[in-house]
């Protein structure tokens, strides 16, 4: 399966929880009928998948495939706190279920945008305002997009300068807001000119170009879901001018954003 399948599929989230465990917490052994995604924020626990033990701690990510025999429990003095989603993913045209290309267990560390998106999903899922299902599905699209970036695409970033990594984290967390290079530079402890040169040297493109590409990619994911208008997507991705957004989107993607809402899926 190609990685791009993550943005070409319908996604049906069946269950979401902010899990703050007690020392007696456990999941009884059963064969699950969904994909279990868990992002550990703090503490420790042990998951068992097909009889194999996976001790988890802060910054770990779990992806248990549908059909797996799963159980879990607390086995330390520091009970786990985590975000957990149980979901199924289907291809648009064939309706076949998709298997995510993620390992069962890995350490991804802290990612500001990922934690922010899970927190927003928790707010929507808990308060359940009118139409919350649409926003929840949109947030889940962004979470999956981030997970693909972290687990599939970003291995080459390990040796980047810490200030560049912090800059990218800042963009991931604030891309929907007005973003200024001077503000980012203050946040990472460098002057704007030096940061701009360092960023281009590491990443291979100017900082503002990266910001625009990131915003447009996030916008494309939302448009492909078919659940938001072009204006809604532009505003949610940090563009105040829809005309400018449409022009930039077409320049970077080769087609207008209105077409993305009608594009057939690819497998």
Protein backbone atom coordinates (compact mmCIF):
# COMPACT_ATOMS: atom_id res chain seq x y z
CA UNK A 1 0.00 0.00 0.00
CA UNK A 2 1.34 3.45 -0.88
CA UNK A 3 1.66 5.91 1.97
CA UNK A 4 -0.59 8.41 0.22
CA UNK A 5 -3.52 6.08 0.88
CA UNK A 6 -3.77 7.82 4.27
CA UNK A 7 -5.35 10.86 2.64
CA UNK A 8 -7.42 9.06 0.01
CA UNK A 9 -9.67 7.12 2.35
CA UNK A 10 -12.83 7.55 4.37
CA UNK A 11 -12.22 7.25 8.07
CA UNK A 12 -14.78 6.13 10.61
CA UNK A 13 -13.76 6.72 14.20
CA UNK A 14 -15.76 4.47 16.49
CA UNK A 15 -14.30 5.41 19.88
CA UNK A 16 -12.00 8.01 21.41
CA UNK A 17 -10.78 8.49 24.97
CA UNK A 18 -8.36 10.53 27.03
CA UNK A 19 -7.10 7.70 29.21
CA UNK A 20 -5.78 8.58 32.68
CA UNK A 21 -5.19 5.18 34.21
CA UNK A 22 -5.28 4.04 37.81
CA UNK A 23 -2.91 1.40 39.17
CA UNK A 24 -5.66 -1.22 38.67
CA UNK A 25 -6.41 -0.29 35.04
CA UNK A 26 -6.48 -3.08 32.48
CA UNK A 27 -7.97 -4.11 29.13
CA UNK A 28 -9.29 -7.65 29.15
CA UNK A 29 -7.89 -9.96 26.48
CA UNK A 30 -9.99 -10.01 23.30
CA UNK A 31 -9.61 -10.00 19.54
CA UNK A 32 -10.32 -6.44 18.45
CA UNK A 33 -12.58 -5.45 15.55
CA UNK A 34 -10.88 -2.10 14.94
CA UNK A 35 -7.45 -0.44 14.73
CA UNK A 36 -6.19 0.70 18.14
CA UNK A 37 -4.04 3.87 18.03
CA UNK A 38 -2.58 5.02 21.36
CA UNK A 39 -0.24 7.96 22.03
CA UNK A 40 1.32 7.83 25.52
CA UNK A 41 1.70 11.19 27.26
CA UNK A 42 3.02 10.08 30.63
CA UNK A 43 3.55 7.08 32.88
CA UNK A 44 3.89 3.43 31.89
CA UNK A 45 1.81 0.40 30.92
CA UNK A 46 2.25 -2.94 29.17
CA UNK A 47 0.30 -3.94 26.07
CA UNK A 48 0.15 -7.55 24.91
CA UNK A 49 -0.47 -8.14 21.20
CA UNK A 50 -0.74 -11.75 20.03
CA UNK A 51 0.97 -12.73 23.29
CA UNK A 52 3.98 -10.43 22.79
CA UNK A 53 4.59 -7.84 25.54
CA UNK A 54 5.12 -4.17 24.59
CA UNK A 55 6.08 -2.02 27.61
CA UNK A 56 5.17 1.60 26.82
CA UNK A 57 6.17 4.92 28.34
CA UNK A 58 5.98 8.67 27.67
CA UNK A 59 6.36 9.45 23.96
CA UNK A 60 5.53 5.92 22.75
CA UNK A 61 3.01 5.17 20.03
CA UNK A 62 0.99 1.97 19.66
CA UNK A 63 -0.80 0.81 16.49
CA UNK A 64 -2.58 -2.52 16.99
CA UNK A 65 -4.08 -3.88 13.74
CA UNK A 66 -7.68 -5.01 13.47
CA UNK A 67 -8.09 -8.70 14.27
CA UNK A 68 -5.23 -8.77 16.78
CA UNK A 69 -5.47 -10.45 20.17
CA UNK A 70 -4.97 -7.56 22.62
CA UNK A 71 -4.81 -6.95 26.32
CA UNK A 72 -3.12 -4.33 28.52
CA UNK A 73 -2.50 -3.49 32.15
CA UNK A 74 -0.51 -1.30 34.51
CA UNK A 75 2.63 -3.00 35.81
CA UNK A 76 4.50 -0.06 37.37
CA UNK A 77 4.10 2.64 40.02
CA UNK A 78 3.48 5.26 37.30
CA UNK A 79 0.09 4.59 35.65
CA UNK A 80 -0.18 5.61 32.02
CA UNK A 81 -1.90 8.73 30.67
CA UNK A 82 -2.65 8.52 26.95
CA UNK A 83 -4.91 9.40 24.05
CA UNK A 84 -6.51 6.36 22.40
CA UNK A 85 -8.57 6.03 19.22
CA UNK A 86 -10.31 2.90 17.93
CA UNK A 87 -11.22 3.22 14.27
CA UNK A 88 -11.59 1.55 10.89
CA UNK A 89 -10.35 2.99 7.57
CA UNK A 90 -11.82 2.19 4.16
CA UNK A 91 -10.85 3.00 0.59
CA UNK A 92 -13.42 5.25 -1.09
CA UNK A 93 -14.11 3.26 -4.24
CA UNK A 94 -13.60 -0.36 -3.24
CA UNK A 95 -14.69 0.09 0.41
CA UNK A 96 -11.89 -2.31 1.35
CA UNK A 97 -10.41 -1.81 4.79
CA UNK A 98 -6.94 -0.25 4.87
CA UNK A 99 -4.05 -1.53 6.98
CA UNK A 100 -1.88 1.30 8.31
CA UNK A 101 1.88 0.90 7.58
CA UNK A 102 2.87 1.71 11.18
CA UNK A 103 4.79 -0.53 13.60
CA UNK A 104 2.90 -2.01 16.53
CA UNK A 105 5.14 -0.14 18.96
CA UNK A 106 7.64 2.68 18.55
CA UNK A 107 8.95 5.75 20.36
CA UNK A 108 8.13 9.02 18.58
CA UNK A 109 8.71 11.43 21.46
CA UNK A 110 6.74 14.62 22.07
CA UNK A 111 5.16 16.34 19.07
CA UNK A 112 3.40 19.59 19.87
CA UNK A 113 0.94 19.56 16.97
CA UNK A 114 0.04 15.91 17.49
CA UNK A 115 -0.70 16.49 21.17
CA UNK A 116 -2.68 19.62 20.25
CA UNK A 117 -4.80 17.75 17.69
CA UNK A 118 -5.53 14.91 20.12
CA UNK A 119 -6.50 17.47 22.75
CA UNK A 120 -8.85 19.23 20.31
CA UNK A 121 -10.34 15.86 19.33
CA UNK A 122 -10.88 15.09 23.01
CA UNK A 123 -12.67 18.45 23.47
CA UNK A 124 -15.00 17.74 20.55
CA UNK A 125 -15.63 14.14 21.56
CA UNK A 126 -16.34 15.07 25.19
CA UNK A 127 -18.53 18.14 24.68
CA UNK A 128 -20.29 16.79 21.54
CA UNK A 129 -21.51 20.15 20.15
CA UNK A 130 -23.88 20.18 17.18
CA UNK A 131 -22.06 18.74 14.17
CA UNK A 132 -19.12 17.51 16.22
CA UNK A 133 -18.79 14.35 14.07
CA UNK A 134 -17.63 16.39 11.07
CA UNK A 135 -14.99 18.28 13.05
CA UNK A 136 -13.86 15.10 14.80
CA UNK A 137 -13.32 13.35 11.46
CA UNK A 138 -11.40 16.36 10.16
CA UNK A 139 -9.15 16.32 13.23
CA UNK A 140 -8.62 12.59 12.77
CA UNK A 141 -7.48 13.24 9.20
CA UNK A 142 -4.89 15.69 10.50
CA UNK A 143 -3.74 13.25 13.18
CA UNK A 144 -3.23 10.50 10.59
CA UNK A 145 -1.41 12.97 8.35
CA UNK A 146 0.95 13.84 11.22
CA UNK A 147 1.54 10.18 12.02
CA UNK A 148 2.45 9.45 8.40
CA UNK A 149 4.86 12.37 8.46
CA UNK A 150 6.48 11.24 11.70
CA UNK A 151 6.61 7.51 11.02
CA UNK A 152 7.02 7.32 7.24
CA UNK A 153 8.52 10.51 5.86
CA UNK A 154 10.73 12.21 8.48
CA UNK A 155 13.69 9.86 9.11
CA UNK A 156 16.04 12.25 7.29
CA UNK A 157 15.46 15.08 9.83
CA UNK A 158 17.37 13.47 12.70
CA UNK A 159 20.55 15.54 12.20
CA UNK A 160 18.89 18.92 11.72
CA UNK A 161 19.90 21.80 13.99
CA UNK A 162 17.73 21.92 17.16
CA UNK A 163 16.52 25.44 16.27
CA UNK A 164 15.26 24.16 12.91
CA UNK A 165 13.38 21.32 14.60
CA UNK A 166 11.86 23.80 17.06
CA UNK A 167 10.87 26.04 14.16
CA UNK A 168 9.06 23.18 12.45
CA UNK A 169 7.34 22.25 15.71
CA UNK A 170 6.27 25.89 16.08
CA UNK A 171 4.84 25.91 12.55
CA UNK A 172 3.01 22.63 13.16
CA UNK A 173 1.40 24.07 16.28
CA UNK A 174 0.66 27.60 14.99
CA UNK A 175 0.22 27.24 11.21
CA UNK A 176 -3.46 28.21 11.52
CA UNK A 177 -2.42 31.56 13.07
CA UNK A 178 -0.52 34.58 11.66
CA UNK A 179 3.14 33.45 11.72
CA UNK A 180 6.10 35.87 11.62
CA UNK A 181 9.75 34.87 11.25
CA UNK A 182 10.74 37.34 13.97
CA UNK A 183 8.31 35.71 16.38
CA UNK A 184 9.62 32.22 15.60
CA UNK A 185 13.22 33.46 15.95
CA UNK A 186 12.49 34.83 19.43
CA UNK A 187 10.88 31.52 20.33
CA UNK A 188 14.00 29.51 19.34
CA UNK A 189 16.54 32.04 20.65
CA UNK A 190 18.06 33.23 17.34
CA UNK A 191 17.84 36.37 15.24
CA UNK A 192 15.50 36.21 12.24
CA UNK A 193 18.20 36.51 9.57
CA UNK A 194 20.36 33.74 11.00
CA UNK A 195 17.35 31.44 11.51
CA UNK A 196 16.19 31.98 7.92
CA UNK A 197 19.61 31.03 6.53
CA UNK A 198 19.96 28.03 8.85
CA UNK A 199 16.47 26.79 7.99
CA UNK A 200 17.10 26.97 4.25
CA UNK A 201 20.44 25.17 4.64
CA UNK A 202 18.88 22.26 6.58
CA UNK A 203 15.47 21.95 4.93
CA UNK A 204 16.37 23.05 1.42
CA UNK A 205 13.73 25.76 1.07
CA UNK A 206 13.01 29.17 2.64
CA UNK A 207 11.08 29.22 5.90
CA UNK A 208 8.04 30.98 4.44
CA UNK A 209 7.96 28.54 1.52
CA UNK A 210 7.94 25.65 4.00
CA UNK A 211 5.14 27.33 5.97
CA UNK A 212 3.04 27.81 2.83
CA UNK A 213 3.63 24.21 1.70
CA UNK A 214 2.69 22.92 5.15
CA UNK A 215 -0.51 24.98 5.20
CA UNK A 216 -1.47 23.89 1.68
CA UNK A 217 -0.79 20.22 2.47
CA UNK A 218 -2.98 20.45 5.56
CA UNK A 219 -5.64 22.18 3.46
CA UNK A 220 -5.49 19.45 0.82
CA UNK A 221 -6.09 16.76 3.45
CA UNK A 222 -9.18 18.62 4.68
CA UNK A 223 -10.50 19.23 1.16
CA UNK A 224 -10.04 15.58 0.20
CA UNK A 225 -12.22 14.59 3.14
CA UNK A 226 -15.10 16.33 1.34
CA UNK A 227 -16.40 17.69 4.63
CA UNK A 228 -15.37 21.37 4.44
CA UNK A 229 -15.81 24.26 2.00
CA UNK A 230 -12.82 25.97 0.38
CA UNK A 231 -13.41 29.06 2.54
CA UNK A 232 -13.57 27.01 5.75
CA UNK A 233 -10.37 25.18 4.88
CA UNK A 234 -8.53 28.39 3.94
CA UNK A 235 -9.42 30.03 7.26
CA UNK A 236 -8.60 26.94 9.33
CA UNK A 237 -5.15 26.69 7.72
CA UNK A 238 -4.11 30.29 8.34
CA UNK A 239 -5.17 32.01 5.10
CA UNK A 240 -7.24 35.17 5.57
CA UNK A 241 -7.60 35.78 1.83
CA UNK A 242 -9.40 32.97 -0.03
CA UNK A 243 -8.23 34.30 -3.41
CA UNK A 244 -4.59 34.19 -2.29
CA UNK A 245 -5.13 30.69 -0.87
CA UNK A 246 -6.66 29.44 -4.12
CA UNK A 247 -3.85 30.95 -6.20
CA UNK A 248 -1.13 29.47 -3.98
CA UNK A 249 -2.88 26.08 -3.78
CA UNK A 250 -3.07 25.86 -7.58
CA UNK A 251 0.59 26.90 -7.90
CA UNK A 252 1.79 24.21 -5.48
CA UNK A 253 -0.64 21.40 -6.34
CA UNK A 254 -1.30 22.01 -10.02
CA UNK A 255 -5.08 22.17 -9.67
CA UNK A 256 -7.54 24.50 -7.88
CA UNK A 257 -8.77 23.70 -4.36
CA UNK A 258 -12.35 23.38 -5.61
CA UNK A 259 -11.26 20.36 -7.66
CA UNK A 260 -9.83 18.60 -4.60
CA UNK A 261 -13.34 18.26 -3.17
CA UNK A 262 -14.36 16.28 -6.27
CA UNK A 263 -11.20 14.24 -6.84
CA UNK A 264 -11.61 10.43 -7.00
CA UNK A 265 -9.49 8.45 -4.61
CA UNK A 266 -6.40 6.55 -5.64
CA UNK A 267 -5.30 3.25 -4.14
